[in-house]
Structure formats: C-alpha cells, structure tokens
PDB file of all heavy atoms in Angstrom:
ATOM      1  N   LEU A   1      -7.644  15.277   6.877  1.00  0.00           N
ATOM      2  CA  LEU A   1      -6.695  16.229   7.453  1.00  0.00           C
ATOM      3  C   LEU A   1      -5.321  15.580   7.600  1.00  0.00           C
ATOM      4  O   LEU A   1      -5.224  14.469   8.124  1.00  0.00           O
ATOM      5  CB  LEU A   1      -7.246  16.712   8.841  1.00  0.00           C
ATOM      6  CG  LEU A   1      -8.450  17.547   8.756  1.00  0.00           C
ATOM      7  CD1 LEU A   1      -9.150  17.618  10.137  1.00  0.00           C
ATOM      8  CD2 LEU A   1      -8.172  18.954   8.296  1.00  0.00           C
ATOM      9  N   ILE A   2      -4.328  16.230   7.042  1.00  0.00           N
ATOM     10  CA  ILE A   2      -2.951  15.745   7.123  1.00  0.00           C
ATOM     11  C   ILE A   2      -2.183  16.608   8.109  1.00  0.00           C
ATOM     12  O   ILE A   2      -2.003  17.833   7.866  1.00  0.00           O
ATOM     13  CB  ILE A   2      -2.294  15.741   5.761  1.00  0.00           C
ATOM     14  CG1 ILE A   2      -3.089  14.872   4.772  1.00  0.00           C
ATOM     15  CG2 ILE A   2      -0.816  15.231   5.820  1.00  0.00           C
ATOM     16  CD1 ILE A   2      -2.584  14.949   3.347  1.00  0.00           C
ATOM     17  N   ILE A   3      -1.836  16.058   9.254  1.00  0.00           N
ATOM     18  CA  ILE A   3      -1.319  16.810  10.384  1.00  0.00           C
ATOM     19  C   ILE A   3       0.094  16.339  10.668  1.00  0.00           C
ATOM     20  O   ILE A   3       0.297  15.198  11.078  1.00  0.00           O
ATOM     21  CB  ILE A   3      -2.267  16.654  11.597  1.00  0.00           C
ATOM     22  CG1 ILE A   3      -3.682  17.089  11.198  1.00  0.00           C
ATOM     23  CG2 ILE A   3      -1.740  17.382  12.817  1.00  0.00           C
ATOM     24  CD1 ILE A   3      -4.694  16.723  12.256  1.00  0.00           C
ATOM     25  N   SER A   4       1.070  17.236  10.537  1.00  0.00           N
ATOM     26  CA  SER A   4       2.458  16.854  10.774  1.00  0.00           C
ATOM     27  C   SER A   4       3.326  18.147  10.814  1.00  0.00           C
ATOM     28  O   SER A   4       2.900  19.159  10.234  1.00  0.00           O
ATOM     29  CB  SER A   4       2.951  15.972   9.621  1.00  0.00           C
ATOM     30  OG  SER A   4       4.319  15.753   9.680  1.00  0.00           O
ATOM     31  N   PRO A   5       4.438  18.110  11.490  1.00  0.00           N
ATOM     32  CA  PRO A   5       5.306  19.294  11.405  1.00  0.00           C
ATOM     33  C   PRO A   5       5.733  19.609   9.969  1.00  0.00           C
ATOM     34  O   PRO A   5       6.149  20.727   9.687  1.00  0.00           O
ATOM     35  CB  PRO A   5       6.545  18.877  12.219  1.00  0.00           C
ATOM     36  CG  PRO A   5       5.993  17.792  13.110  1.00  0.00           C
ATOM     37  CD  PRO A   5       5.004  17.066  12.355  1.00  0.00           C
ATOM     38  N   TYR A   6       5.668  18.634   9.087  1.00  0.00           N
ATOM     39  CA  TYR A   6       6.110  18.756   7.722  1.00  0.00           C
ATOM     40  C   TYR A   6       4.948  18.813   6.704  1.00  0.00           C
ATOM     41  O   TYR A   6       5.225  18.865   5.449  1.00  0.00           O
ATOM     42  CB  TYR A   6       7.091  17.666   7.350  1.00  0.00           C
ATOM     43  CG  TYR A   6       8.283  17.703   8.308  1.00  0.00           C
ATOM     44  CD1 TYR A   6       8.353  16.729   9.346  1.00  0.00           C
ATOM     45  CD2 TYR A   6       9.290  18.649   8.257  1.00  0.00           C
ATOM     46  CE1 TYR A   6       9.415  16.748  10.263  1.00  0.00           C
ATOM     47  CE2 TYR A   6      10.291  18.723   9.203  1.00  0.00           C
ATOM     48  CZ  TYR A   6      10.368  17.764  10.177  1.00  0.00           C
ATOM     49  OH  TYR A   6      11.388  17.805  11.075  1.00  0.00           O
ATOM     50  N   ALA A   7       3.754  18.685   7.204  1.00  0.00           N
ATOM     51  CA  ALA A   7       2.603  18.892   6.276  1.00  0.00           C
ATOM     52  C   ALA A   7       2.594  20.378   5.837  1.00  0.00           C
ATOM     53  O   ALA A   7       2.907  21.265   6.631  1.00  0.00           O
ATOM     54  CB  ALA A   7       1.291  18.546   6.959  1.00  0.00           C
ATOM     55  N   LEU A   8       2.225  20.615   4.589  1.00  0.00           N
ATOM     56  CA  LEU A   8       2.165  21.995   4.110  1.00  0.00           C
ATOM     57  C   LEU A   8       1.209  22.779   4.984  1.00  0.00           C
ATOM     58  O   LEU A   8       0.067  22.379   5.263  1.00  0.00           O
ATOM     59  CB  LEU A   8       1.675  22.010   2.679  1.00  0.00           C
ATOM     60  CG  LEU A   8       2.661  21.405   1.627  1.00  0.00           C
ATOM     61  CD1 LEU A   8       1.975  21.382   0.224  1.00  0.00           C
ATOM     62  CD2 LEU A   8       3.937  22.143   1.578  1.00  0.00           C
ATOM     63  N   SER A   9       1.677  23.911   5.480  1.00  0.00           N
ATOM     64  CA  SER A   9       0.956  24.698   6.438  1.00  0.00           C
ATOM     65  C   SER A   9      -0.167  25.552   5.759  1.00  0.00           C
ATOM     66  O   SER A   9       0.126  26.243   4.757  1.00  0.00           O
ATOM     67  CB  SER A   9       1.888  25.570   7.209  1.00  0.00           C
ATOM     68  OG  SER A   9       1.194  26.287   8.221  1.00  0.00           O
ATOM     69  N   GLY A  10      -1.342  25.535   6.314  1.00  0.00           N
ATOM     70  CA  GLY A  10      -2.480  26.293   5.730  1.00  0.00           C
ATOM     71  C   GLY A  10      -2.771  25.914   4.293  1.00  0.00           C
ATOM     72  O   GLY A  10      -3.192  26.754   3.516  1.00  0.00           O
ATOM     73  N   ASN A  11      -2.601  24.640   3.931  1.00  0.00           N
ATOM     74  CA  ASN A  11      -2.739  24.206   2.580  1.00  0.00           C
ATOM     75  C   ASN A  11      -4.060  23.484   2.339  1.00  0.00           C
ATOM     76  O   ASN A  11      -4.553  22.708   3.194  1.00  0.00           O
ATOM     77  CB  ASN A  11      -1.585  23.219   2.234  1.00  0.00           C
ATOM     78  CG  ASN A  11      -1.716  22.621   0.855  1.00  0.00           C
ATOM     79  OD1 ASN A  11      -1.780  23.350  -0.116  1.00  0.00           O
ATOM     80  ND2 ASN A  11      -1.707  21.273   0.834  1.00  0.00           N
ATOM     81  N   ILE A  12      -4.634  23.725   1.146  1.00  0.00           N
ATOM     82  CA  ILE A  12      -5.793  22.938   0.714  1.00  0.00           C
ATOM     83  C   ILE A  12      -5.306  22.128  -0.488  1.00  0.00           C
ATOM     84  O   ILE A  12      -4.972  22.722  -1.546  1.00  0.00           O
ATOM     85  CB  ILE A  12      -6.966  23.820   0.298  1.00  0.00           C
ATOM     86  CG1 ILE A  12      -7.481  24.600   1.478  1.00  0.00           C
ATOM     87  CG2 ILE A  12      -8.149  22.962  -0.240  1.00  0.00           C
ATOM     88  CD1 ILE A  12      -8.558  25.609   1.169  1.00  0.00           C
ATOM     89  N   GLY A  13      -5.191  20.835  -0.324  1.00  0.00           N
ATOM     90  CA  GLY A  13      -4.693  19.972  -1.387  1.00  0.00           C
ATOM     91  C   GLY A  13      -5.808  19.527  -2.315  1.00  0.00           C
ATOM     92  O   GLY A  13      -6.881  19.138  -1.886  1.00  0.00           O
ATOM     93  N   HIS A  14      -5.535  19.526  -3.580  1.00  0.00           N
ATOM     94  CA  HIS A  14      -6.490  19.175  -4.611  1.00  0.00           C
ATOM     95  C   HIS A  14      -6.154  17.886  -5.366  1.00  0.00           C
ATOM     96  O   HIS A  14      -6.751  17.472  -6.367  1.00  0.00           O
ATOM     97  CB  HIS A  14      -6.639  20.300  -5.642  1.00  0.00           C
ATOM     98  CG  HIS A  14      -6.955  21.589  -5.015  1.00  0.00           C
ATOM     99  ND1 HIS A  14      -8.089  21.846  -4.232  1.00  0.00           N
ATOM    100  CD2 HIS A  14      -6.268  22.792  -5.023  1.00  0.00           C
ATOM    101  CE1 HIS A  14      -8.088  23.105  -3.826  1.00  0.00           C
ATOM    102  NE2 HIS A  14      -7.010  23.685  -4.265  1.00  0.00           N
ATOM    103  N   THR A  15      -5.087  17.150  -4.887  1.00  0.00           N
ATOM    104  CA  THR A  15      -4.661  15.889  -5.522  1.00  0.00           C
ATOM    105  C   THR A  15      -5.681  14.767  -5.115  1.00  0.00           C
ATOM    106  O   THR A  15      -6.046  14.762  -3.939  1.00  0.00           O
ATOM    107  CB  THR A  15      -3.279  15.477  -5.130  1.00  0.00           C
ATOM    108  OG1 THR A  15      -2.359  16.561  -5.444  1.00  0.00           O
ATOM    109  CG2 THR A  15      -2.832  14.186  -5.732  1.00  0.00           C
ATOM    110  N   ARG A  16      -5.989  13.924  -6.056  1.00  0.00           N
ATOM    111  CA  ARG A  16      -6.922  12.873  -5.745  1.00  0.00           C
ATOM    112  C   ARG A  16      -6.250  11.820  -4.827  1.00  0.00           C
ATOM    113  O   ARG A  16      -5.203  11.273  -5.155  1.00  0.00           O
ATOM    114  CB  ARG A  16      -7.426  12.140  -7.032  1.00  0.00           C
ATOM    115  CG  ARG A  16      -8.484  11.093  -6.787  1.00  0.00           C
ATOM    116  CD  ARG A  16      -8.865  10.402  -8.022  1.00  0.00           C
ATOM    117  NE  ARG A  16      -7.848   9.488  -8.477  1.00  0.00           N
ATOM    118  CZ  ARG A  16      -7.685   9.029  -9.696  1.00  0.00           C
ATOM    119  NH1 ARG A  16      -8.513   9.439 -10.660  1.00  0.00           N
ATOM    120  NH2 ARG A  16      -6.726   8.152 -10.010  1.00  0.00           N
ATOM    121  N   TYR A  17      -6.850  11.490  -3.683  1.00  0.00           N
ATOM    122  CA  TYR A  17      -6.438  10.461  -2.800  1.00  0.00           C
ATOM    123  C   TYR A  17      -7.601   9.477  -2.512  1.00  0.00           C
ATOM    124  O   TYR A  17      -8.740   9.836  -2.741  1.00  0.00           O
ATOM    125  CB  TYR A  17      -5.989  11.013  -1.453  1.00  0.00           C
ATOM    126  CG  TYR A  17      -4.853  12.082  -1.462  1.00  0.00           C
ATOM    127  CD1 TYR A  17      -4.908  13.138  -0.600  1.00  0.00           C
ATOM    128  CD2 TYR A  17      -3.784  11.909  -2.330  1.00  0.00           C
ATOM    129  CE1 TYR A  17      -3.887  14.092  -0.586  1.00  0.00           C
ATOM    130  CE2 TYR A  17      -2.745  12.855  -2.338  1.00  0.00           C
ATOM    131  CZ  TYR A  17      -2.830  13.922  -1.463  1.00  0.00           C
ATOM    132  OH  TYR A  17      -1.790  14.896  -1.382  1.00  0.00           O
ATOM    133  N   GLU A  18      -7.218   8.349  -2.069  1.00  0.00           N
ATOM    134  CA  GLU A  18      -8.154   7.375  -1.502  1.00  0.00           C
ATOM    135  C   GLU A  18      -7.463   6.614  -0.339  1.00  0.00           C
ATOM    136  O   GLU A  18      -6.273   6.901  -0.106  1.00  0.00           O
ATOM    137  CB  GLU A  18      -8.680   6.412  -2.622  1.00  0.00           C
ATOM    138  CG  GLU A  18      -7.624   5.766  -3.413  1.00  0.00           C
ATOM    139  CD  GLU A  18      -7.815   4.250  -3.526  1.00  0.00           C
ATOM    140  OE1 GLU A  18      -8.369   3.655  -2.612  1.00  0.00           O
ATOM    141  OE2 GLU A  18      -7.384   3.713  -4.573  1.00  0.00           O
ATOM    142  N   PHE A  19      -8.158   5.698   0.257  1.00  0.00           N
ATOM    143  CA  PHE A  19      -7.495   5.030   1.412  1.00  0.00           C
ATOM    144  C   PHE A  19      -6.227   4.263   0.994  1.00  0.00           C
ATOM    145  O   PHE A  19      -5.272   4.156   1.837  1.00  0.00           O
ATOM    146  CB  PHE A  19      -8.485   4.039   2.088  1.00  0.00           C
ATOM    147  CG  PHE A  19      -9.681   4.729   2.623  1.00  0.00           C
ATOM    148  CD1 PHE A  19     -10.949   4.151   2.418  1.00  0.00           C
ATOM    149  CD2 PHE A  19      -9.656   5.938   3.229  1.00  0.00           C
ATOM    150  CE1 PHE A  19     -12.078   4.781   2.870  1.00  0.00           C
ATOM    151  CE2 PHE A  19     -10.792   6.583   3.706  1.00  0.00           C
ATOM    152  CZ  PHE A  19     -11.987   6.010   3.530  1.00  0.00           C
ATOM    153  N   SER A  20      -6.144   3.833  -0.216  1.00  0.00           N
ATOM    154  CA  SER A  20      -4.927   3.183  -0.698  1.00  0.00           C
ATOM    155  C   SER A  20      -3.714   4.128  -0.714  1.00  0.00           C
ATOM    156  O   SER A  20      -2.585   3.658  -0.686  1.00  0.00           O
ATOM    157  CB  SER A  20      -5.081   2.552  -2.059  1.00  0.00           C
ATOM    158  OG  SER A  20      -6.221   1.602  -2.100  1.00  0.00           O
ATOM    159  N   SER A  21      -4.021   5.424  -0.715  1.00  0.00           N
ATOM    160  CA  SER A  21      -2.934   6.409  -0.700  1.00  0.00           C
ATOM    161  C   SER A  21      -2.184   6.346   0.674  1.00  0.00           C
ATOM    162  O   SER A  21      -0.986   6.587   0.681  1.00  0.00           O
ATOM    163  CB  SER A  21      -3.483   7.857  -0.897  1.00  0.00           C
ATOM    164  OG  SER A  21      -4.034   7.966  -2.169  1.00  0.00           O
ATOM    165  N   PHE A  22      -2.927   6.007   1.736  1.00  0.00           N
ATOM    166  CA  PHE A  22      -2.264   5.828   3.009  1.00  0.00           C
ATOM    167  C   PHE A  22      -1.178   4.738   2.917  1.00  0.00           C
ATOM    168  O   PHE A  22      -0.036   4.868   3.390  1.00  0.00           O
ATOM    169  CB  PHE A  22      -3.227   5.399   4.108  1.00  0.00           C
ATOM    170  CG  PHE A  22      -4.339   6.362   4.376  1.00  0.00           C
ATOM    171  CD1 PHE A  22      -5.558   5.949   4.882  1.00  0.00           C
ATOM    172  CD2 PHE A  22      -4.209   7.717   4.061  1.00  0.00           C
ATOM    173  CE1 PHE A  22      -6.556   6.853   5.158  1.00  0.00           C
ATOM    174  CE2 PHE A  22      -5.225   8.640   4.280  1.00  0.00           C
ATOM    175  CZ  PHE A  22      -6.439   8.170   4.826  1.00  0.00           C
ATOM    176  N   LEU A  23      -1.633   3.605   2.281  1.00  0.00           N
ATOM    177  CA  LEU A  23      -0.676   2.517   2.147  1.00  0.00           C
ATOM    178  C   LEU A  23       0.477   2.876   1.221  1.00  0.00           C
ATOM    179  O   LEU A  23       1.608   2.497   1.562  1.00  0.00           O
ATOM    180  CB  LEU A  23      -1.388   1.270   1.563  1.00  0.00           C
ATOM    181  CG  LEU A  23      -2.207   0.397   2.550  1.00  0.00           C
ATOM    182  CD1 LEU A  23      -3.498   1.165   3.004  1.00  0.00           C
ATOM    183  CD2 LEU A  23      -2.599  -0.948   1.934  1.00  0.00           C
ATOM    184  N   ALA A  24       0.213   3.609   0.224  1.00  0.00           N
ATOM    185  CA  ALA A  24       1.274   4.043  -0.689  1.00  0.00           C
ATOM    186  C   ALA A  24       2.303   4.947   0.045  1.00  0.00           C
ATOM    187  O   ALA A  24       3.501   4.867  -0.174  1.00  0.00           O
ATOM    188  CB  ALA A  24       0.677   4.825  -1.860  1.00  0.00           C
ATOM    189  N   PHE A  25       1.816   5.762   0.984  1.00  0.00           N
ATOM    190  CA  PHE A  25       2.709   6.634   1.758  1.00  0.00           C
ATOM    191  C   PHE A  25       3.642   5.751   2.625  1.00  0.00           C
ATOM    192  O   PHE A  25       4.879   6.003   2.636  1.00  0.00           O
ATOM    193  CB  PHE A  25       1.872   7.532   2.682  1.00  0.00           C
ATOM    194  CG  PHE A  25       2.670   8.543   3.442  1.00  0.00           C
ATOM    195  CD1 PHE A  25       3.006   9.762   2.887  1.00  0.00           C
ATOM    196  CD2 PHE A  25       3.100   8.279   4.756  1.00  0.00           C
ATOM    197  CE1 PHE A  25       3.746  10.716   3.609  1.00  0.00           C
ATOM    198  CE2 PHE A  25       3.825   9.225   5.464  1.00  0.00           C
ATOM    199  CZ  PHE A  25       4.137  10.424   4.911  1.00  0.00           C
ATOM    200  N   VAL A  26       3.109   4.722   3.307  1.00  0.00           N
ATOM    201  CA  VAL A  26       3.965   3.848   4.120  1.00  0.00           C
ATOM    202  C   VAL A  26       4.880   3.084   3.251  1.00  0.00           C
ATOM    203  O   VAL A  26       6.090   2.941   3.594  1.00  0.00           O
ATOM    204  CB  VAL A  26       3.015   2.902   4.923  1.00  0.00           C
ATOM    205  CG1 VAL A  26       3.874   1.862   5.656  1.00  0.00           C
ATOM    206  CG2 VAL A  26       2.201   3.690   5.975  1.00  0.00           C
ATOM    207  N   GLU A  27       4.326   2.525   2.181  1.00  0.00           N
ATOM    208  CA  GLU A  27       5.223   1.735   1.255  1.00  0.00           C
ATOM    209  C   GLU A  27       6.340   2.530   0.699  1.00  0.00           C
ATOM    210  O   GLU A  27       7.495   2.096   0.560  1.00  0.00           O
ATOM    211  CB  GLU A  27       4.319   1.154   0.124  1.00  0.00           C
ATOM    212  CG  GLU A  27       3.389   0.099   0.689  1.00  0.00           C
ATOM    213  CD  GLU A  27       2.160  -0.095  -0.213  1.00  0.00           C
ATOM    214  OE1 GLU A  27       2.008   0.683  -1.213  1.00  0.00           O
ATOM    215  OE2 GLU A  27       1.336  -0.931   0.099  1.00  0.00           O
ATOM    216  N   THR A  28       6.064   3.838   0.347  1.00  0.00           N
ATOM    217  CA  THR A  28       7.069   4.681  -0.135  1.00  0.00           C
ATOM    218  C   THR A  28       8.136   4.979   0.971  1.00  0.00           C
ATOM    219  O   THR A  28       9.334   4.914   0.722  1.00  0.00           O
ATOM    220  CB  THR A  28       6.500   6.035  -0.618  1.00  0.00           C
ATOM    221  OG1 THR A  28       5.467   5.781  -1.503  1.00  0.00           O
ATOM    222  CG2 THR A  28       7.558   6.935  -1.206  1.00  0.00           C
ATOM    223  N   ARG A  29       7.678   5.248   2.166  1.00  0.00           N
ATOM    224  CA  ARG A  29       8.577   5.539   3.281  1.00  0.00           C
ATOM    225  C   ARG A  29       9.491   4.397   3.595  1.00  0.00           C
ATOM    226  O   ARG A  29      10.696   4.615   3.839  1.00  0.00           O
ATOM    227  CB  ARG A  29       7.699   5.949   4.553  1.00  0.00           C
ATOM    228  CG  ARG A  29       8.546   6.063   5.801  1.00  0.00           C
ATOM    229  CD  ARG A  29       9.595   7.177   5.736  1.00  0.00           C
ATOM    230  NE  ARG A  29      10.380   7.233   6.928  1.00  0.00           N
ATOM    231  CZ  ARG A  29      11.514   6.499   7.114  1.00  0.00           C
ATOM    232  NH1 ARG A  29      11.943   5.635   6.212  1.00  0.00           N
ATOM    233  NH2 ARG A  29      12.202   6.635   8.244  1.00  0.00           N
ATOM    234  N   PHE A  30       8.984   3.170   3.573  1.00  0.00           N
ATOM    235  CA  PHE A  30       9.769   2.019   4.012  1.00  0.00           C
ATOM    236  C   PHE A  30      10.233   1.113   2.884  1.00  0.00           C
ATOM    237  O   PHE A  30      10.772   0.033   3.137  1.00  0.00           O
ATOM    238  CB  PHE A  30       9.028   1.264   5.070  1.00  0.00           C
ATOM    239  CG  PHE A  30       8.760   2.045   6.315  1.00  0.00           C
ATOM    240  CD1 PHE A  30       7.441   2.472   6.647  1.00  0.00           C
ATOM    241  CD2 PHE A  30       9.796   2.363   7.173  1.00  0.00           C
ATOM    242  CE1 PHE A  30       7.225   3.233   7.801  1.00  0.00           C
ATOM    243  CE2 PHE A  30       9.591   3.167   8.307  1.00  0.00           C
ATOM    244  CZ  PHE A  30       8.295   3.492   8.611  1.00  0.00           C
ATOM    245  N   GLY A  31       9.979   1.515   1.669  1.00  0.00           N
ATOM    246  CA  GLY A  31      10.451   0.714   0.484  1.00  0.00           C
ATOM    247  C   GLY A  31       9.776  -0.632   0.374  1.00  0.00           C
ATOM    248  O   GLY A  31      10.324  -1.574  -0.034  1.00  0.00           O
ATOM    249  N   LEU A  32       8.471  -0.658   0.681  1.00  0.00           N
ATOM    250  CA  LEU A  32       7.679  -1.921   0.624  1.00  0.00           C
ATOM    251  C   LEU A  32       7.018  -2.042  -0.689  1.00  0.00           C
ATOM    252  O   LEU A  32       6.617  -1.042  -1.328  1.00  0.00           O
ATOM    253  CB  LEU A  32       6.674  -1.925   1.790  1.00  0.00           C
ATOM    254  CG  LEU A  32       7.185  -1.778   3.198  1.00  0.00           C
ATOM    255  CD1 LEU A  32       5.990  -1.730   4.167  1.00  0.00           C
ATOM    256  CD2 LEU A  32       8.103  -2.933   3.510  1.00  0.00           C
ATOM    257  N   THR A  33       6.880  -3.236  -1.149  1.00  0.00           N
ATOM    258  CA  THR A  33       6.163  -3.497  -2.435  1.00  0.00           C
ATOM    259  C   THR A  33       4.641  -3.365  -2.233  1.00  0.00           C
ATOM    260  O   THR A  33       4.103  -3.833  -1.240  1.00  0.00           O
ATOM    261  CB  THR A  33       6.397  -4.955  -2.914  1.00  0.00           C
ATOM    262  OG1 THR A  33       7.836  -5.109  -3.053  1.00  0.00           O
ATOM    263  CG2 THR A  33       5.749  -5.267  -4.213  1.00  0.00           C
ATOM    264  N   PRO A  34       3.928  -2.695  -3.097  1.00  0.00           N
ATOM    265  CA  PRO A  34       2.483  -2.542  -2.965  1.00  0.00           C
ATOM    266  C   PRO A  34       1.759  -3.915  -2.925  1.00  0.00           C
ATOM    267  O   PRO A  34       2.262  -4.892  -3.444  1.00  0.00           O
ATOM    268  CB  PRO A  34       2.098  -1.717  -4.212  1.00  0.00           C
ATOM    269  CG  PRO A  34       3.344  -0.979  -4.576  1.00  0.00           C
ATOM    270  CD  PRO A  34       4.437  -1.961  -4.248  1.00  0.00           C
ATOM    271  N   LEU A  35       0.580  -3.866  -2.403  1.00  0.00           N
ATOM    272  CA  LEU A  35      -0.228  -5.072  -2.301  1.00  0.00           C
ATOM    273  C   LEU A  35      -1.131  -5.311  -3.483  1.00  0.00           C
ATOM    274  O   LEU A  35      -1.365  -6.480  -3.884  1.00  0.00           O
ATOM    275  CB  LEU A  35      -1.173  -4.934  -1.014  1.00  0.00           C
ATOM    276  CG  LEU A  35      -0.394  -4.921   0.347  1.00  0.00           C
ATOM    277  CD1 LEU A  35      -1.260  -4.185   1.368  1.00  0.00           C
ATOM    278  CD2 LEU A  35      -0.105  -6.348   0.724  1.00  0.00           C
ATOM    279  N   THR A  36      -1.702  -4.261  -4.046  1.00  0.00           N
ATOM    280  CA  THR A  36      -2.672  -4.411  -5.157  1.00  0.00           C
ATOM    281  C   THR A  36      -2.403  -3.292  -6.192  1.00  0.00           C
ATOM    282  O   THR A  36      -1.591  -2.388  -5.967  1.00  0.00           O
ATOM    283  CB  THR A  36      -4.079  -4.311  -4.671  1.00  0.00           C
ATOM    284  OG1 THR A  36      -4.400  -2.927  -4.383  1.00  0.00           O
ATOM    285  CG2 THR A  36      -4.355  -5.161  -3.413  1.00  0.00           C
ATOM    286  N   ARG A  37      -3.148  -3.368  -7.256  1.00  0.00           N
ATOM    287  CA  ARG A  37      -3.051  -2.310  -8.259  1.00  0.00           C
ATOM    288  C   ARG A  37      -3.480  -0.988  -7.674  1.00  0.00           C
ATOM    289  O   ARG A  37      -3.023   0.118  -8.080  1.00  0.00           O
ATOM    290  CB  ARG A  37      -3.871  -2.673  -9.515  1.00  0.00           C
ATOM    291  CG  ARG A  37      -3.751  -1.639 -10.627  1.00  0.00           C
ATOM    292  CD  ARG A  37      -4.268  -2.208 -11.901  1.00  0.00           C
ATOM    293  NE  ARG A  37      -3.419  -3.269 -12.413  1.00  0.00           N
ATOM    294  CZ  ARG A  37      -2.338  -3.057 -13.200  1.00  0.00           C
ATOM    295  NH1 ARG A  37      -1.993  -1.854 -13.480  1.00  0.00           N
ATOM    296  NH2 ARG A  37      -1.667  -4.053 -13.624  1.00  0.00           N
ATOM    297  N   ARG A  38      -4.393  -0.964  -6.688  1.00  0.00           N
ATOM    298  CA  ARG A  38      -4.870   0.248  -6.109  1.00  0.00           C
ATOM    299  C   ARG A  38      -3.746   1.021  -5.414  1.00  0.00           C
ATOM    300  O   ARG A  38      -3.570   2.224  -5.716  1.00  0.00           O
ATOM    301  CB  ARG A  38      -5.953  -0.030  -5.062  1.00  0.00           C
ATOM    302  CG  ARG A  38      -7.341  -0.172  -5.661  1.00  0.00           C
ATOM    303  CD  ARG A  38      -7.919   1.093  -6.245  1.00  0.00           C
ATOM    304  NE  ARG A  38      -9.362   0.967  -6.516  1.00  0.00           N
ATOM    305  CZ  ARG A  38     -10.304   1.320  -5.726  1.00  0.00           C
ATOM    306  NH1 ARG A  38      -9.980   1.841  -4.523  1.00  0.00           N
ATOM    307  NH2 ARG A  38     -11.580   1.165  -6.053  1.00  0.00           N
ATOM    308  N   ASP A  39      -3.006   0.399  -4.538  1.00  0.00           N
ATOM    309  CA  ASP A  39      -1.912   1.199  -3.915  1.00  0.00           C
ATOM    310  C   ASP A  39      -0.745   1.360  -4.771  1.00  0.00           C
ATOM    311  O   ASP A  39       0.082   2.275  -4.579  1.00  0.00           O
ATOM    312  CB  ASP A  39      -1.477   0.547  -2.535  1.00  0.00           C
ATOM    313  CG  ASP A  39      -1.157  -0.898  -2.560  1.00  0.00           C
ATOM    314  OD1 ASP A  39      -1.641  -1.620  -3.434  1.00  0.00           O
ATOM    315  OD2 ASP A  39      -0.377  -1.340  -1.716  1.00  0.00           O
ATOM    316  N   THR A  40      -0.592   0.553  -5.890  1.00  0.00           N
ATOM    317  CA  THR A  40       0.436   0.791  -6.853  1.00  0.00           C
ATOM    318  C   THR A  40       0.181   2.115  -7.579  1.00  0.00           C
ATOM    319  O   THR A  40       1.080   2.931  -7.826  1.00  0.00           O
ATOM    320  CB  THR A  40       0.515  -0.353  -7.877  1.00  0.00           C
ATOM    321  OG1 THR A  40       0.796  -1.578  -7.199  1.00  0.00           O
ATOM    322  CG2 THR A  40       1.599  -0.095  -8.905  1.00  0.00           C
ATOM    323  N   MET A  41      -1.079   2.358  -7.912  1.00  0.00           N
ATOM    324  CA  MET A  41      -1.433   3.505  -8.688  1.00  0.00           C
ATOM    325  C   MET A  41      -1.802   4.735  -7.915  1.00  0.00           C
ATOM    326  O   MET A  41      -1.881   5.866  -8.446  1.00  0.00           O
ATOM    327  CB  MET A  41      -2.603   3.169  -9.652  1.00  0.00           C
ATOM    328  CG  MET A  41      -2.353   1.935 -10.537  1.00  0.00           C
ATOM    329  SD  MET A  41      -0.826   2.035 -11.480  1.00  0.00           S
ATOM    330  CE  MET A  41      -1.285   3.383 -12.612  1.00  0.00           C
ATOM    331  N   ALA A  42      -2.068   4.597  -6.627  1.00  0.00           N
ATOM    332  CA  ALA A  42      -2.553   5.675  -5.754  1.00  0.00           C
ATOM    333  C   ALA A  42      -1.531   6.798  -5.601  1.00  0.00           C
ATOM    334  O   ALA A  42      -0.296   6.498  -5.455  1.00  0.00           O
ATOM    335  CB  ALA A  42      -3.008   5.196  -4.424  1.00  0.00           C
TER     336      ALA A  42
END
C-alpha cells in the first residue's frame, strides 16, 4: 500500500516492484548512488 497525499488516489498499480524499489525511491529523491544492481534496475 502506497499512502501519501500525492499517491494516485483509488489506484491499482500494475508495475513490478520489489523491496529494492523502496531504495530506488529514496535514491531518486535525494540523488544517491544505488547500492547494487537490484536498486539500479528496480
């Protein structure tokens, strides 16, 4: 569940995610270099 004022409302997302996607979100937000190939590609 993605819960935020800016999460798409009433949305069912069909994009493939995994736990490395969380890291990719943070890395994208703060301009951090990924740790592994997993969060690079997630």
